[in-house]
Amino acid sequence: MLTADKVKTLTTLDPTGLAQFLQASGYSGQRFSEAKFLGITNGGQFCYSVTFPDESGTGEVETSKVFLAYDHVNDSVTADI
């Protein structure tokens, strides 16, 4: 079951927390300067907007989205970009 506490946790993650979920899901080197919870998608994923410095070194800030999926059977969370 998706409890109120789990919803609270999954909707209030900071940049470090999102990066940790991505690392556990097989991504590496993700570092974000900001993370903002946007909402829950039609598919039930928790959606965040993230910002990070441009990897090519231009000094620009880039924006992307991170999606978290909660598996109630295994009580686990996976992340995807």
C-alpha atoms as a PDB file:
ATOM      1  CA  MET A   1       0.000   0.000   0.000  1.00  0.00           C
ATOM      2  CA  LEU A   2       1.160   3.521  -0.743  1.00  0.00           C
ATOM      3  CA  THR A   3       0.957   5.096   2.700  1.00  0.00           C
ATOM      4  CA  ALA A   4       0.665   8.780   3.557  1.00  0.00           C
ATOM      5  CA  ASP A   5       4.204   8.719   4.943  1.00  0.00           C
ATOM      6  CA  LYS A   6       5.553   7.236   1.702  1.00  0.00           C
ATOM      7  CA  VAL A   7       3.701   9.879  -0.347  1.00  0.00           C
ATOM      8  CA  LYS A   8       5.159  12.600   1.867  1.00  0.00           C
ATOM      9  CA  THR A   9       8.653  11.206   1.412  1.00  0.00           C
ATOM     10  CA  LEU A  10       8.311  10.826  -2.352  1.00  0.00           C
ATOM     11  CA  THR A  11       6.955  14.353  -2.807  1.00  0.00           C
ATOM     12  CA  THR A  12       9.552  16.182  -0.703  1.00  0.00           C
ATOM     13  CA  LEU A  13      12.879  14.843  -1.980  1.00  0.00           C
ATOM     14  CA  ASP A  14      15.848  17.158  -2.343  1.00  0.00           C
ATOM     15  CA  PRO A  15      18.435  16.988  -5.158  1.00  0.00           C
ATOM     16  CA  THR A  16      20.606  14.537  -3.206  1.00  0.00           C
ATOM     17  CA  GLY A  17      17.683  12.197  -2.517  1.00  0.00           C
ATOM     18  CA  LEU A  18      16.737  12.088  -6.191  1.00  0.00           C
ATOM     19  CA  ALA A  19      20.339  11.405  -7.177  1.00  0.00           C
ATOM     20  CA  GLN A  20      20.453   8.500  -4.718  1.00  0.00           C
ATOM     21  CA  PHE A  21      17.315   6.924  -6.207  1.00  0.00           C
ATOM     22  CA  LEU A  22      18.805   7.328  -9.697  1.00  0.00           C
ATOM     23  CA  GLN A  23      22.067   5.725  -8.589  1.00  0.00           C
ATOM     24  CA  ALA A  24      20.168   2.781  -7.092  1.00  0.00           C
ATOM     25  CA  SER A  25      18.337   2.462 -10.433  1.00  0.00           C
ATOM     26  CA  GLY A  26      21.577   2.199 -12.425  1.00  0.00           C
ATOM     27  CA  TYR A  27      22.406   5.818 -13.261  1.00  0.00           C
ATOM     28  CA  SER A  28      25.722   7.360 -12.264  1.00  0.00           C
ATOM     29  CA  GLY A  29      27.085  10.842 -11.853  1.00  0.00           C
ATOM     30  CA  GLN A  30      23.763  12.626 -11.455  1.00  0.00           C
ATOM     31  CA  ARG A  31      24.097  15.894  -9.532  1.00  0.00           C
ATOM     32  CA  PHE A  32      21.323  18.415  -9.369  1.00  0.00           C
ATOM     33  CA  SER A  33      21.342  21.935  -8.027  1.00  0.00           C
ATOM     34  CA  GLU A  34      17.564  22.094  -7.607  1.00  0.00           C
ATOM     35  CA  ALA A  35      14.642  19.680  -7.495  1.00  0.00           C
ATOM     36  CA  LYS A  36      10.966  20.582  -7.530  1.00  0.00           C
ATOM     37  CA  PHE A  37       8.091  18.134  -7.228  1.00  0.00           C
ATOM     38  CA  LEU A  38       5.674  18.736 -10.110  1.00  0.00           C
ATOM     39  CA  GLY A  39       2.981  16.138  -9.493  1.00  0.00           C
ATOM     40  CA  ILE A  40       1.925  12.568 -10.155  1.00  0.00           C
ATOM     41  CA  THR A  41       1.637  11.474 -13.770  1.00  0.00           C
ATOM     42  CA  ASN A  42      -1.355   9.655 -15.266  1.00  0.00           C
ATOM     43  CA  GLY A  43       0.738   6.483 -14.954  1.00  0.00           C
ATOM     44  CA  GLY A  44       1.232   6.981 -11.218  1.00  0.00           C
ATOM     45  CA  GLN A  45       4.837   8.173 -11.341  1.00  0.00           C
ATOM     46  CA  PHE A  46       6.107  10.972  -9.122  1.00  0.00           C
ATOM     47  CA  CYS A  47       7.525  13.679 -11.406  1.00  0.00           C
ATOM     48  CA  TYR A  48      10.262  16.156 -10.489  1.00  0.00           C
ATOM     49  CA  SER A  49      11.823  19.002 -12.425  1.00  0.00           C
ATOM     50  CA  VAL A  50      15.585  19.156 -11.844  1.00  0.00           C
ATOM     51  CA  THR A  51      18.229  21.701 -12.773  1.00  0.00           C
ATOM     52  CA  PHE A  52      21.931  21.116 -13.191  1.00  0.00           C
ATOM     53  CA  PRO A  53      24.978  22.834 -14.740  1.00  0.00           C
ATOM     54  CA  ASP A  54      25.567  22.181 -18.427  1.00  0.00           C
ATOM     55  CA  GLU A  55      27.977  19.244 -18.689  1.00  0.00           C
ATOM     56  CA  SER A  56      29.884  20.828 -21.589  1.00  0.00           C
ATOM     57  CA  GLY A  57      31.089  23.626 -19.309  1.00  0.00           C
ATOM     58  CA  THR A  58      29.258  26.569 -20.893  1.00  0.00           C
ATOM     59  CA  GLY A  59      28.002  27.768 -17.514  1.00  0.00           C
ATOM     60  CA  GLU A  60      24.400  27.419 -18.642  1.00  0.00           C
ATOM     61  CA  VAL A  61      21.800  25.711 -16.472  1.00  0.00           C
ATOM     62  CA  GLU A  62      19.868  22.807 -17.931  1.00  0.00           C
ATOM     63  CA  THR A  63      16.493  21.430 -16.871  1.00  0.00           C
ATOM     64  CA  SER A  64      15.197  17.871 -17.075  1.00  0.00           C
ATOM     65  CA  LYS A  65      12.639  15.638 -15.402  1.00  0.00           C
ATOM     66  CA  VAL A  66      13.072  12.692 -13.061  1.00  0.00           C
ATOM     67  CA  PHE A  67      10.312  10.118 -12.640  1.00  0.00           C
ATOM     68  CA  LEU A  68       9.933   7.885  -9.590  1.00  0.00           C
ATOM     69  CA  ALA A  69       7.847   4.718  -9.700  1.00  0.00           C
ATOM     70  CA  TYR A  70       6.674   3.061  -6.512  1.00  0.00           C
ATOM     71  CA  ASP A  71       6.279  -0.731  -6.586  1.00  0.00           C
ATOM     72  CA  HIS A  72       3.802  -1.563  -3.828  1.00  0.00           C
ATOM     73  CA  VAL A  73       4.370  -5.326  -4.138  1.00  0.00           C
ATOM     74  CA  ASN A  74       8.086  -5.044  -3.330  1.00  0.00           C
ATOM     75  CA  ASP A  75       7.840  -1.737  -1.402  1.00  0.00           C
ATOM     76  CA  SER A  76      10.547  -0.256  -3.617  1.00  0.00           C
ATOM     77  CA  VAL A  77      11.142   2.851  -5.682  1.00  0.00           C
ATOM     78  CA  THR A  78      12.858   3.094  -9.066  1.00  0.00           C
ATOM     79  CA  ALA A  79      13.924   6.279 -10.806  1.00  0.00           C
ATOM     80  CA  ASP A  80      14.259   7.201 -14.459  1.00  0.00           C
ATOM     81  CA  ILE A  81      15.162  10.285 -16.453  1.00  0.00           C
END
